[in-house]
Each structure stands twice: as structure tokens, then as C-alpha cells.
Amino acid sequence: MGKTQYTQKFREEWLTDALFKDWLVKIELDRNKARCRFCKTEVVAKRYDLLQHTKTKKHIEASNGFATSRSVANYTKPPSLKTSDAEGTLALFTAVHCSILTCDHLGVLCK
């Protein structure tokens, strides 16, 4: 009698693993498989198979497109404390003065 093959189930910790977190997606309906976000390919949920998938030509080429994408955070500067204060003041002004007649006061506040 031969050995029975162990069926590996998807592990949640793989989603935070540096090797997998950028591309690995859990398949809810099949706990024995995972999905590559870059290649749109299903992979058997075994660590060895996941590592082998990262070495495939298809995955490497597909991941290059994602590596060059830019984050919106790179194009915006973080708000300063002065900006946050101004936004908060405007929000409080709007909450307190909800009638249209108060627009005259808004110009003074913005100065």
C-alpha cells in the first residue's frame, strides 16, 4: 500500500509573508488552492508550489507591470498641522452654521 498524499490547506499567514503578500489571494470556495493576483492563475496551496510559481516566466513578467506602478501617496504631500486645523475649523463652521445666510461669515473665516 502506498502513502496517501497530504492535502495542504491555504494558510492565512501566507497573506502577510513577505514572499507572497503582494500577489497571493485566497480562494474562498477551494481551500486547497490560491490565486496569483498578477497572473490570474490558480496555484496549489502548498508552500513549495507557491515558491515555484514565483520563479515562472509568466509570473515574473506579470509582476514587472505591478512593480512599476506608482502609489498616489508619492504625488501628494502629507497634510500639515495648519492644514488639519483649517479643515477642522471649516467642518465645525459648517456643522454649527447650517443655514445659507452664514455664507457671509465663511469668507471671513477663510481669510
PDB file of N, CA and C in Angstrom:
ATOM      1  N   MET A   1       0.823  -1.175   0.000  1.00  0.00           N
ATOM      2  CA  MET A   1       0.000   0.000   0.000  1.00  0.00           C
ATOM      3  C   MET A   1       0.876   1.249   0.000  1.00  0.00           C
ATOM      4  N   GLY A   2       0.520   2.222  -0.841  1.00  0.00           N
ATOM      5  CA  GLY A   2       1.309   3.449  -0.931  1.00  0.00           C
ATOM      6  C   GLY A   2       0.879   4.481   0.100  1.00  0.00           C
ATOM      7  N   LYS A   3       1.723   5.444   0.273  1.00  0.00           N
ATOM      8  CA  LYS A   3       1.405   6.529   1.185  1.00  0.00           C
ATOM      9  C   LYS A   3       0.312   7.409   0.584  1.00  0.00           C
ATOM     10  N   THR A   4      -0.550   7.909   1.438  1.00  0.00           N
ATOM     11  CA  THR A   4      -1.558   8.844   0.945  1.00  0.00           C
ATOM     12  C   THR A   4      -0.949  10.242   0.930  1.00  0.00           C
ATOM     13  N   GLN A   5      -1.270  10.981  -0.106  1.00  0.00           N
ATOM     14  CA  GLN A   5      -0.748  12.335  -0.281  1.00  0.00           C
ATOM     15  C   GLN A   5      -1.456  13.289   0.685  1.00  0.00           C
ATOM     16  N   TYR A   6      -0.686  14.079   1.420  1.00  0.00           N
ATOM     17  CA  TYR A   6      -1.244  15.066   2.334  1.00  0.00           C
ATOM     18  C   TYR A   6      -1.747  16.258   1.518  1.00  0.00           C
ATOM     19  N   THR A   7      -2.960  16.690   1.779  1.00  0.00           N
ATOM     20  CA  THR A   7      -3.525  17.834   1.089  1.00  0.00           C
ATOM     21  C   THR A   7      -3.350  19.079   1.956  1.00  0.00           C
ATOM     22  N   GLN A   8      -2.538  19.992   1.469  1.00  0.00           N
ATOM     23  CA  GLN A   8      -2.271  21.232   2.208  1.00  0.00           C
ATOM     24  C   GLN A   8      -3.442  22.197   2.041  1.00  0.00           C
ATOM     25  N   LYS A   9      -3.857  22.793   3.123  1.00  0.00           N
ATOM     26  CA  LYS A   9      -4.891  23.816   3.104  1.00  0.00           C
ATOM     27  C   LYS A   9      -4.218  25.189   3.069  1.00  0.00           C
ATOM     28  N   PHE A  10      -4.909  26.167   2.521  1.00  0.00           N
ATOM     29  CA  PHE A  10      -4.402  27.537   2.459  1.00  0.00           C
ATOM     30  C   PHE A  10      -4.162  28.052   3.878  1.00  0.00           C
ATOM     31  N   ARG A  11      -3.052  28.708   4.087  1.00  0.00           N
ATOM     32  CA  ARG A  11      -2.716  29.257   5.409  1.00  0.00           C
ATOM     33  C   ARG A  11      -2.827  30.782   5.379  1.00  0.00           C
ATOM     34  N   GLU A  12      -3.544  31.313   6.329  1.00  0.00           N
ATOM     35  CA  GLU A  12      -3.760  32.756   6.410  1.00  0.00           C
ATOM     36  C   GLU A  12      -2.452  33.523   6.585  1.00  0.00           C
ATOM     37  N   GLU A  13      -1.468  32.930   7.262  1.00  0.00           N
ATOM     38  CA  GLU A  13      -0.206  33.639   7.494  1.00  0.00           C
ATOM     39  C   GLU A  13       0.568  33.903   6.207  1.00  0.00           C
ATOM     40  N   TRP A  14       0.245  33.182   5.130  1.00  0.00           N
ATOM     41  CA  TRP A  14       0.887  33.435   3.845  1.00  0.00           C
ATOM     42  C   TRP A  14       0.539  34.828   3.322  1.00  0.00           C
ATOM     43  N   LEU A  15      -0.615  35.345   3.706  1.00  0.00           N
ATOM     44  CA  LEU A  15      -1.048  36.663   3.235  1.00  0.00           C
ATOM     45  C   LEU A  15      -0.203  37.790   3.820  1.00  0.00           C
ATOM     46  N   THR A  16       0.530  37.499   4.898  1.00  0.00           N
ATOM     47  CA  THR A  16       1.409  38.503   5.493  1.00  0.00           C
ATOM     48  C   THR A  16       2.886  38.183   5.268  1.00  0.00           C
ATOM     49  N   ASP A  17       3.161  37.037   4.660  1.00  0.00           N
ATOM     50  CA  ASP A  17       4.535  36.628   4.369  1.00  0.00           C
ATOM     51  C   ASP A  17       5.104  37.536   3.270  1.00  0.00           C
ATOM     52  N   ALA A  18       6.311  38.045   3.468  1.00  0.00           N
ATOM     53  CA  ALA A  18       6.932  38.967   2.510  1.00  0.00           C
ATOM     54  C   ALA A  18       7.043  38.361   1.108  1.00  0.00           C
ATOM     55  N   LEU A  19       7.194  37.046   1.010  1.00  0.00           N
ATOM     56  CA  LEU A  19       7.329  36.393  -0.293  1.00  0.00           C
ATOM     57  C   LEU A  19       6.016  36.334  -1.070  1.00  0.00           C
ATOM     58  N   PHE A  20       4.897  36.352  -0.354  1.00  0.00           N
ATOM     59  CA  PHE A  20       3.610  36.110  -1.000  1.00  0.00           C
ATOM     60  C   PHE A  20       2.610  37.260  -0.907  1.00  0.00           C
ATOM     61  N   LYS A  21       2.782  38.158   0.043  1.00  0.00           N
ATOM     62  CA  LYS A  21       1.718  39.119   0.377  1.00  0.00           C
ATOM     63  C   LYS A  21       1.312  40.032  -0.782  1.00  0.00           C
ATOM     64  N   ASP A  22       2.218  40.322  -1.711  1.00  0.00           N
ATOM     65  CA  ASP A  22       1.886  41.226  -2.807  1.00  0.00           C
ATOM     66  C   ASP A  22       1.011  40.592  -3.878  1.00  0.00           C
ATOM     67  N   TRP A  23       1.075  39.276  -4.007  1.00  0.00           N
ATOM     68  CA  TRP A  23       0.371  38.661  -5.126  1.00  0.00           C
ATOM     69  C   TRP A  23      -0.598  37.543  -4.747  1.00  0.00           C
ATOM     70  N   LEU A  24      -0.492  36.989  -3.573  1.00  0.00           N
ATOM     71  CA  LEU A  24      -1.303  35.829  -3.196  1.00  0.00           C
ATOM     72  C   LEU A  24      -2.710  36.230  -2.772  1.00  0.00           C
ATOM     73  N   VAL A  25      -3.699  35.522  -3.301  1.00  0.00           N
ATOM     74  CA  VAL A  25      -5.099  35.771  -2.967  1.00  0.00           C
ATOM     75  C   VAL A  25      -5.729  34.438  -2.562  1.00  0.00           C
ATOM     76  N   LYS A  26      -6.480  34.478  -1.489  1.00  0.00           N
ATOM     77  CA  LYS A  26      -7.162  33.271  -1.005  1.00  0.00           C
ATOM     78  C   LYS A  26      -8.393  33.003  -1.867  1.00  0.00           C
ATOM     79  N   ILE A  27      -8.604  31.736  -2.199  1.00  0.00           N
ATOM     80  CA  ILE A  27      -9.820  31.326  -2.901  1.00  0.00           C
ATOM     81  C   ILE A  27     -10.770  30.769  -1.853  1.00  0.00           C
ATOM     82  N   GLU A  28     -11.876  31.438  -1.656  1.00  0.00           N
ATOM     83  CA  GLU A  28     -12.810  31.066  -0.588  1.00  0.00           C
ATOM     84  C   GLU A  28     -13.446  29.690  -0.806  1.00  0.00           C
ATOM     85  N   LEU A  29     -13.771  29.362  -2.043  1.00  0.00           N
ATOM     86  CA  LEU A  29     -14.506  28.123  -2.310  1.00  0.00           C
ATOM     87  C   LEU A  29     -13.625  26.874  -2.361  1.00  0.00           C
ATOM     88  N   ASP A  30     -12.324  27.064  -2.549  1.00  0.00           N
ATOM     89  CA  ASP A  30     -11.420  25.917  -2.627  1.00  0.00           C
ATOM     90  C   ASP A  30     -10.226  26.181  -1.719  1.00  0.00           C
ATOM     91  N   ARG A  31     -10.228  25.561  -0.544  1.00  0.00           N
ATOM     92  CA  ARG A  31      -9.175  25.809   0.445  1.00  0.00           C
ATOM     93  C   ARG A  31      -7.847  25.151   0.079  1.00  0.00           C
ATOM     94  N   ASN A  32      -7.828  24.351  -0.981  1.00  0.00           N
ATOM     95  CA  ASN A  32      -6.601  23.678  -1.399  1.00  0.00           C
ATOM     96  C   ASN A  32      -5.857  24.450  -2.484  1.00  0.00           C
ATOM     97  N   LYS A  33      -6.388  25.608  -2.885  1.00  0.00           N
ATOM     98  CA  LYS A  33      -5.771  26.407  -3.943  1.00  0.00           C
ATOM     99  C   LYS A  33      -5.685  27.868  -3.529  1.00  0.00           C
ATOM    100  N   ALA A  34      -4.825  28.579  -4.254  1.00  0.00           N
ATOM    101  CA  ALA A  34      -4.681  30.017  -4.079  1.00  0.00           C
ATOM    102  C   ALA A  34      -4.660  30.637  -5.469  1.00  0.00           C
ATOM    103  N   ARG A  35      -4.718  31.956  -5.531  1.00  0.00           N
ATOM    104  CA  ARG A  35      -4.737  32.638  -6.812  1.00  0.00           C
ATOM    105  C   ARG A  35      -3.625  33.684  -6.832  1.00  0.00           C
ATOM    106  N   CYS A  36      -3.005  33.818  -7.994  1.00  0.00           N
ATOM    107  CA  CYS A  36      -1.979  34.843  -8.191  1.00  0.00           C
ATOM    108  C   CYS A  36      -2.663  36.094  -8.731  1.00  0.00           C
ATOM    109  N   ARG A  37      -2.519  37.191  -8.021  1.00  0.00           N
ATOM    110  CA  ARG A  37      -3.144  38.454  -8.418  1.00  0.00           C
ATOM    111  C   ARG A  37      -2.502  38.992  -9.694  1.00  0.00           C
ATOM    112  N   PHE A  38      -1.243  38.713  -9.922  1.00  0.00           N
ATOM    113  CA  PHE A  38      -0.541  39.207 -11.101  1.00  0.00           C
ATOM    114  C   PHE A  38      -0.905  38.416 -12.358  1.00  0.00           C
ATOM    115  N   CYS A  39      -0.812  37.085 -12.265  1.00  0.00           N
ATOM    116  CA  CYS A  39      -1.004  36.216 -13.428  1.00  0.00           C
ATOM    117  C   CYS A  39      -2.445  35.779 -13.652  1.00  0.00           C
ATOM    118  N   LYS A  40      -3.273  35.942 -12.630  1.00  0.00           N
ATOM    119  CA  LYS A  40      -4.653  35.430 -12.662  1.00  0.00           C
ATOM    120  C   LYS A  40      -4.650  33.915 -12.829  1.00  0.00           C
ATOM    121  N   THR A  41      -3.714  33.254 -12.157  1.00  0.00           N
ATOM    122  CA  THR A  41      -3.537  31.811 -12.238  1.00  0.00           C
ATOM    123  C   THR A  41      -3.817  31.181 -10.886  1.00  0.00           C
ATOM    124  N   GLU A  42      -4.431  30.004 -10.906  1.00  0.00           N
ATOM    125  CA  GLU A  42      -4.631  29.257  -9.663  1.00  0.00           C
ATOM    126  C   GLU A  42      -3.397  28.403  -9.402  1.00  0.00           C
ATOM    127  N   VAL A  43      -3.015  28.353  -8.134  1.00  0.00           N
ATOM    128  CA  VAL A  43      -1.837  27.595  -7.715  1.00  0.00           C
ATOM    129  C   VAL A  43      -2.250  26.701  -6.550  1.00  0.00           C
ATOM    130  N   VAL A  44      -1.706  25.480  -6.521  1.00  0.00           N
ATOM    131  CA  VAL A  44      -1.982  24.575  -5.403  1.00  0.00           C
ATOM    132  C   VAL A  44      -1.442  25.208  -4.134  1.00  0.00           C
ATOM    133  N   ALA A  45      -2.213  25.139  -3.067  1.00  0.00           N
ATOM    134  CA  ALA A  45      -1.855  25.809  -1.806  1.00  0.00           C
ATOM    135  C   ALA A  45      -0.830  25.001  -1.017  1.00  0.00           C
ATOM    136  N   LYS A  46       0.335  24.859  -1.598  1.00  0.00           N
ATOM    137  CA  LYS A  46       1.480  24.257  -0.913  1.00  0.00           C
ATOM    138  C   LYS A  46       2.615  25.258  -1.012  1.00  0.00           C
ATOM    139  N   ARG A  47       3.327  25.442   0.057  1.00  0.00           N
ATOM    140  CA  ARG A  47       4.396  26.445   0.077  1.00  0.00           C
ATOM    141  C   ARG A  47       5.394  26.222  -1.056  1.00  0.00           C
ATOM    142  N   TYR A  48       5.756  24.982  -1.290  1.00  0.00           N
ATOM    143  CA  TYR A  48       6.710  24.675  -2.359  1.00  0.00           C
ATOM    144  C   TYR A  48       6.162  25.119  -3.712  1.00  0.00           C
ATOM    145  N   ASP A  49       4.898  24.811  -3.974  1.00  0.00           N
ATOM    146  CA  ASP A  49       4.292  25.195  -5.254  1.00  0.00           C
ATOM    147  C   ASP A  49       4.186  26.716  -5.388  1.00  0.00           C
ATOM    148  N   LEU A  50       3.912  27.397  -4.285  1.00  0.00           N
ATOM    149  CA  LEU A  50       3.848  28.855  -4.317  1.00  0.00           C
ATOM    150  C   LEU A  50       5.222  29.444  -4.640  1.00  0.00           C
ATOM    151  N   LEU A  51       6.255  28.886  -4.018  1.00  0.00           N
ATOM    152  CA  LEU A  51       7.615  29.350  -4.300  1.00  0.00           C
ATOM    153  C   LEU A  51       8.005  29.075  -5.751  1.00  0.00           C
ATOM    154  N   GLN A  52       7.628  27.913  -6.259  1.00  0.00           N
ATOM    155  CA  GLN A  52       7.927  27.576  -7.655  1.00  0.00           C
ATOM    156  C   GLN A  52       7.193  28.526  -8.603  1.00  0.00           C
ATOM    157  N   HIS A  53       5.986  28.909  -8.248  1.00  0.00           N
ATOM    158  CA  HIS A  53       5.214  29.820  -9.096  1.00  0.00           C
ATOM    159  C   HIS A  53       5.924  31.165  -9.219  1.00  0.00           C
ATOM    160  N   THR A  54       6.562  31.637  -8.151  1.00  0.00           N
ATOM    161  CA  THR A  54       7.249  32.933  -8.216  1.00  0.00           C
ATOM    162  C   THR A  54       8.418  32.920  -9.199  1.00  0.00           C
ATOM    163  N   LYS A  55       8.892  31.737  -9.565  1.00  0.00           N
ATOM    164  CA  LYS A  55      10.026  31.612 -10.472  1.00  0.00           C
ATOM    165  C   LYS A  55       9.614  31.428 -11.925  1.00  0.00           C
ATOM    166  N   THR A  56       8.314  31.300 -12.183  1.00  0.00           N
ATOM    167  CA  THR A  56       7.870  31.079 -13.556  1.00  0.00           C
ATOM    168  C   THR A  56       7.999  32.350 -14.388  1.00  0.00           C
ATOM    169  N   LYS A  57       8.207  32.172 -15.671  1.00  0.00           N
ATOM    170  CA  LYS A  57       8.354  33.304 -16.592  1.00  0.00           C
ATOM    171  C   LYS A  57       7.079  34.151 -16.601  1.00  0.00           C
ATOM    172  N   LYS A  58       5.935  33.497 -16.613  1.00  0.00           N
ATOM    173  CA  LYS A  58       4.656  34.200 -16.645  1.00  0.00           C
ATOM    174  C   LYS A  58       4.504  35.117 -15.425  1.00  0.00           C
ATOM    175  N   HIS A  59       4.838  34.615 -14.248  1.00  0.00           N
ATOM    176  CA  HIS A  59       4.706  35.401 -13.021  1.00  0.00           C
ATOM    177  C   HIS A  59       5.700  36.565 -13.011  1.00  0.00           C
ATOM    178  N   ILE A  60       6.916  36.302 -13.393  1.00  0.00           N
ATOM    179  CA  ILE A  60       7.943  37.349 -13.383  1.00  0.00           C
ATOM    180  C   ILE A  60       7.557  38.480 -14.323  1.00  0.00           C
ATOM    181  N   GLU A  61       7.102  38.141 -15.530  1.00  0.00           N
ATOM    182  CA  GLU A  61       6.700  39.170 -16.487  1.00  0.00           C
ATOM    183  C   GLU A  61       5.462  39.930 -16.007  1.00  0.00           C
ATOM    184  N   ALA A  62       4.503  39.211 -15.434  1.00  0.00           N
ATOM    185  CA  ALA A  62       3.287  39.866 -14.947  1.00  0.00           C
ATOM    186  C   ALA A  62       3.582  40.757 -13.752  1.00  0.00           C
ATOM    187  N   SER A  63       4.488  40.346 -12.884  1.00  0.00           N
ATOM    188  CA  SER A  63       4.791  41.139 -11.685  1.00  0.00           C
ATOM    189  C   SER A  63       5.571  42.407 -12.017  1.00  0.00           C
ATOM    190  N   ASN A  64       6.287  42.423 -13.145  1.00  0.00           N
ATOM    191  CA  ASN A  64       7.037  43.621 -13.528  1.00  0.00           C
ATOM    192  C   ASN A  64       6.104  44.808 -13.747  1.00  0.00           C
ATOM    193  N   GLY A  65       4.933  44.560 -14.294  1.00  0.00           N
ATOM    194  CA  GLY A  65       3.967  45.632 -14.506  1.00  0.00           C
ATOM    195  C   GLY A  65       3.475  46.221 -13.209  1.00  0.00           C
ATOM    196  N   PHE A  66       3.360  45.399 -12.186  1.00  0.00           N
ATOM    197  CA  PHE A  66       2.900  45.877 -10.887  1.00  0.00           C
ATOM    198  C   PHE A  66       4.016  46.600 -10.148  1.00  0.00           C
ATOM    199  N   ALA A  67       5.243  46.198 -10.375  1.00  0.00           N
ATOM    200  CA  ALA A  67       6.373  46.811  -9.674  1.00  0.00           C
ATOM    201  C   ALA A  67       6.574  48.258 -10.110  1.00  0.00           C
ATOM    202  N   THR A  68       6.210  48.577 -11.350  1.00  0.00           N
ATOM    203  CA  THR A  68       6.423  49.933 -11.846  1.00  0.00           C
ATOM    204  C   THR A  68       5.245  50.849 -11.574  1.00  0.00           C
ATOM    205  N   SER A  69       4.151  50.297 -11.051  1.00  0.00           N
ATOM    206  CA  SER A  69       3.002  51.152 -10.756  1.00  0.00           C
ATOM    207  C   SER A  69       3.345  52.075  -9.598  1.00  0.00           C
ATOM    208  N   ARG A  70       2.769  53.254  -9.637  1.00  0.00           N
ATOM    209  CA  ARG A  70       3.089  54.245  -8.620  1.00  0.00           C
ATOM    210  C   ARG A  70       1.912  54.449  -7.683  1.00  0.00           C
ATOM    211  N   SER A  71       2.221  54.692  -6.470  1.00  0.00           N
ATOM    212  CA  SER A  71       1.212  54.934  -5.451  1.00  0.00           C
ATOM    213  C   SER A  71       0.793  56.400  -5.483  1.00  0.00           C
ATOM    214  N   VAL A  72      -0.453  56.667  -5.175  1.00  0.00           N
ATOM    215  CA  VAL A  72      -0.949  58.035  -5.102  1.00  0.00           C
ATOM    216  C   VAL A  72      -0.216  58.796  -4.006  1.00  0.00           C
ATOM    217  N   ALA A  73       0.206  58.092  -2.971  1.00  0.00           N
ATOM    218  CA  ALA A  73       0.907  58.732  -1.859  1.00  0.00           C
ATOM    219  C   ALA A  73       2.189  59.420  -2.321  1.00  0.00           C
ATOM    220  N   ASN A  74       2.788  58.951  -3.420  1.00  0.00           N
ATOM    221  CA  ASN A  74       4.012  59.564  -3.923  1.00  0.00           C
ATOM    222  C   ASN A  74       3.760  60.946  -4.510  1.00  0.00           C
ATOM    223  N   TYR A  75       2.532  61.254  -4.892  1.00  0.00           N
ATOM    224  CA  TYR A  75       2.223  62.509  -5.555  1.00  0.00           C
ATOM    225  C   TYR A  75       1.550  63.531  -4.643  1.00  0.00           C
ATOM    226  N   THR A  76       1.246  63.149  -3.453  1.00  0.00           N
ATOM    227  CA  THR A  76       0.623  64.083  -2.521  1.00  0.00           C
ATOM    228  C   THR A  76       1.522  64.262  -1.314  1.00  0.00           C
ATOM    229  N   LYS A  77       1.510  65.468  -0.774  1.00  0.00           N
ATOM    230  CA  LYS A  77       2.300  65.669   0.430  1.00  0.00           C
ATOM    231  C   LYS A  77       1.383  65.500   1.635  1.00  0.00           C
ATOM    232  N   PRO A  78       1.905  65.006   2.731  1.00  0.00           N
ATOM    233  CA  PRO A  78       1.070  64.801   3.910  1.00  0.00           C
ATOM    234  C   PRO A  78       0.563  66.139   4.434  1.00  0.00           C
ATOM    235  N   PRO A  79      -0.657  66.164   4.936  1.00  0.00           N
ATOM    236  CA  PRO A  79      -1.202  67.431   5.422  1.00  0.00           C
ATOM    237  C   PRO A  79      -0.442  67.912   6.658  1.00  0.00           C
ATOM    238  N   SER A  80      -0.259  69.222   6.708  1.00  0.00           N
ATOM    239  CA  SER A  80       0.421  69.800   7.870  1.00  0.00           C
ATOM    240  C   SER A  80      -0.598  70.007   8.980  1.00  0.00           C
ATOM    241  N   LEU A  81      -0.109  70.335  10.151  1.00  0.00           N
ATOM    242  CA  LEU A  81      -0.989  70.609  11.278  1.00  0.00           C
ATOM    243  C   LEU A  81      -1.853  71.831  10.991  1.00  0.00           C
ATOM    244  N   LYS A  82      -1.272  72.809  10.291  1.00  0.00           N
ATOM    245  CA  LYS A  82      -2.008  74.013   9.926  1.00  0.00           C
ATOM    246  C   LYS A  82      -3.172  73.671   8.983  1.00  0.00           C
ATOM    247  N   THR A  83      -2.923  72.774   8.020  1.00  0.00           N
ATOM    248  CA  THR A  83      -3.968  72.341   7.096  1.00  0.00           C
ATOM    249  C   THR A  83      -5.065  71.589   7.843  1.00  0.00           C
ATOM    250  N   SER A  84      -4.672  70.708   8.733  1.00  0.00           N
ATOM    251  CA  SER A  84      -5.652  69.950   9.514  1.00  0.00           C
ATOM    252  C   SER A  84      -6.508  70.867  10.373  1.00  0.00           C
ATOM    253  N   ASP A  85      -5.886  71.891  10.961  1.00  0.00           N
ATOM    254  CA  ASP A  85      -6.635  72.870  11.760  1.00  0.00           C
ATOM    255  C   ASP A  85      -7.655  73.610  10.894  1.00  0.00           C
ATOM    256  N   ALA A  86      -7.224  74.022   9.707  1.00  0.00           N
ATOM    257  CA  ALA A  86      -8.122  74.758   8.808  1.00  0.00           C
ATOM    258  C   ALA A  86      -9.293  73.885   8.381  1.00  0.00           C
ATOM    259  N   GLU A  87      -9.028  72.627   8.037  1.00  0.00           N
ATOM    260  CA  GLU A  87     -10.098  71.720   7.641  1.00  0.00           C
ATOM    261  C   GLU A  87     -11.068  71.467   8.789  1.00  0.00           C
ATOM    262  N   GLY A  88     -10.531  71.314   9.988  1.00  0.00           N
ATOM    263  CA  GLY A  88     -11.373  71.105  11.159  1.00  0.00           C
ATOM    264  C   GLY A  88     -12.245  72.316  11.443  1.00  0.00           C
ATOM    265  N   THR A  89     -11.659  73.511  11.306  1.00  0.00           N
ATOM    266  CA  THR A  89     -12.415  74.744  11.531  1.00  0.00           C
ATOM    267  C   THR A  89     -13.555  74.863  10.530  1.00  0.00           C
ATOM    268  N   LEU A  90     -13.281  74.552   9.261  1.00  0.00           N
ATOM    269  CA  LEU A  90     -14.327  74.607   8.236  1.00  0.00           C
ATOM    270  C   LEU A  90     -15.429  73.583   8.512  1.00  0.00           C
ATOM    271  N   ALA A  91     -15.052  72.402   8.953  1.00  0.00           N
ATOM    272  CA  ALA A  91     -16.037  71.364   9.258  1.00  0.00           C
ATOM    273  C   ALA A  91     -16.919  71.777  10.434  1.00  0.00           C
ATOM    274  N   LEU A  92     -16.300  72.341  11.473  1.00  0.00           N
ATOM    275  CA  LEU A  92     -17.079  72.800  12.622  1.00  0.00           C
ATOM    276  C   LEU A  92     -17.972  73.973  12.252  1.00  0.00           C
ATOM    277  N   PHE A  93     -17.457  74.878  11.428  1.00  0.00           N
ATOM    278  CA  PHE A  93     -18.253  76.009  10.977  1.00  0.00           C
ATOM    279  C   PHE A  93     -19.506  75.517  10.253  1.00  0.00           C
ATOM    280  N   THR A  94     -19.330  74.562   9.350  1.00  0.00           N
ATOM    281  CA  THR A  94     -20.454  74.018   8.579  1.00  0.00           C
ATOM    282  C   THR A  94     -21.450  73.325   9.502  1.00  0.00           C
ATOM    283  N   ALA A  95     -20.957  72.623  10.510  1.00  0.00           N
ATOM    284  CA  ALA A  95     -21.847  71.915  11.429  1.00  0.00           C
ATOM    285  C   ALA A  95     -22.664  72.883  12.283  1.00  0.00           C
ATOM    286  N   VAL A  96     -22.044  73.962  12.705  1.00  0.00           N
ATOM    287  CA  VAL A  96     -22.730  74.918  13.578  1.00  0.00           C
ATOM    288  C   VAL A  96     -23.649  75.846  12.789  1.00  0.00           C
ATOM    289  N   HIS A  97     -23.176  76.338  11.649  1.00  0.00           N
ATOM    290  CA  HIS A  97     -23.940  77.284  10.829  1.00  0.00           C
ATOM    291  C   HIS A  97     -24.451  76.566   9.590  1.00  0.00           C
ATOM    292  N   CYS A  98     -25.610  75.979   9.690  1.00  0.00           N
ATOM    293  CA  CYS A  98     -26.083  75.204   8.547  1.00  0.00           C
ATOM    294  C   CYS A  98     -27.053  75.971   7.649  1.00  0.00           C
ATOM    295  N   SER A  99     -27.301  77.238   7.921  1.00  0.00           N
ATOM    296  CA  SER A  99     -28.193  77.982   7.037  1.00  0.00           C
ATOM    297  C   SER A  99     -27.383  78.640   5.936  1.00  0.00           C
ATOM    298  N   ILE A 100     -28.031  79.003   4.863  1.00  0.00           N
ATOM    299  CA  ILE A 100     -27.361  79.600   3.706  1.00  0.00           C
ATOM    300  C   ILE A 100     -26.885  81.013   4.021  1.00  0.00           C
ATOM    301  N   LEU A 101     -27.558  81.707   4.903  1.00  0.00           N
ATOM    302  CA  LEU A 101     -27.194  83.081   5.233  1.00  0.00           C
ATOM    303  C   LEU A 101     -25.810  83.197   5.859  1.00  0.00           C
ATOM    304  N   THR A 102     -25.281  82.127   6.375  1.00  0.00           N
ATOM    305  CA  THR A 102     -23.974  82.186   7.035  1.00  0.00           C
ATOM    306  C   THR A 102     -22.818  82.215   6.056  1.00  0.00           C
ATOM    307  N   CYS A 103     -23.085  82.110   4.778  1.00  0.00           N
ATOM    308  CA  CYS A 103     -22.004  82.154   3.789  1.00  0.00           C
ATOM    309  C   CYS A 103     -21.222  83.458   3.879  1.00  0.00           C
ATOM    310  N   ASP A 104     -21.879  84.532   4.329  1.00  0.00           N
ATOM    311  CA  ASP A 104     -21.178  85.801   4.507  1.00  0.00           C
ATOM    312  C   ASP A 104     -20.059  85.647   5.534  1.00  0.00           C
ATOM    313  N   HIS A 105     -20.269  84.855   6.545  1.00  0.00           N
ATOM    314  CA  HIS A 105     -19.261  84.652   7.580  1.00  0.00           C
ATOM    315  C   HIS A 105     -18.141  83.719   7.123  1.00  0.00           C
ATOM    316  N   LEU A 106     -18.445  82.872   6.166  1.00  0.00           N
ATOM    317  CA  LEU A 106     -17.453  81.909   5.687  1.00  0.00           C
ATOM    318  C   LEU A 106     -16.278  82.607   5.023  1.00  0.00           C
ATOM    319  N   GLY A 107     -16.533  83.684   4.307  1.00  0.00           N
ATOM    320  CA  GLY A 107     -15.452  84.435   3.663  1.00  0.00           C
ATOM    321  C   GLY A 107     -14.481  84.982   4.691  1.00  0.00           C
ATOM    322  N   VAL A 108     -14.992  85.470   5.810  1.00  0.00           N
ATOM    323  CA  VAL A 108     -14.144  85.998   6.882  1.00  0.00           C
ATOM    324  C   VAL A 108     -13.311  84.871   7.483  1.00  0.00           C
ATOM    325  N   LEU A 109     -13.922  83.713   7.666  1.00  0.00           N
ATOM    326  CA  LEU A 109     -13.207  82.576   8.254  1.00  0.00           C
ATOM    327  C   LEU A 109     -12.066  82.110   7.359  1.00  0.00           C
ATOM    328  N   CYS A 110     -12.308  82.087   6.066  1.00  0.00           N
ATOM    329  CA  CYS A 110     -11.283  81.596   5.119  1.00  0.00           C
ATOM    330  C   CYS A 110     -10.064  82.522   5.057  1.00  0.00           C
ATOM    331  N   LYS A 111     -10.257  83.809   5.345  1.00  0.00           N
ATOM    332  CA  LYS A 111      -9.122  84.742   5.340  1.00  0.00           C
ATOM    333  C   LYS A 111      -8.150  84.355   6.431  1.00  0.00           C
TER     334      LYS A 111
END
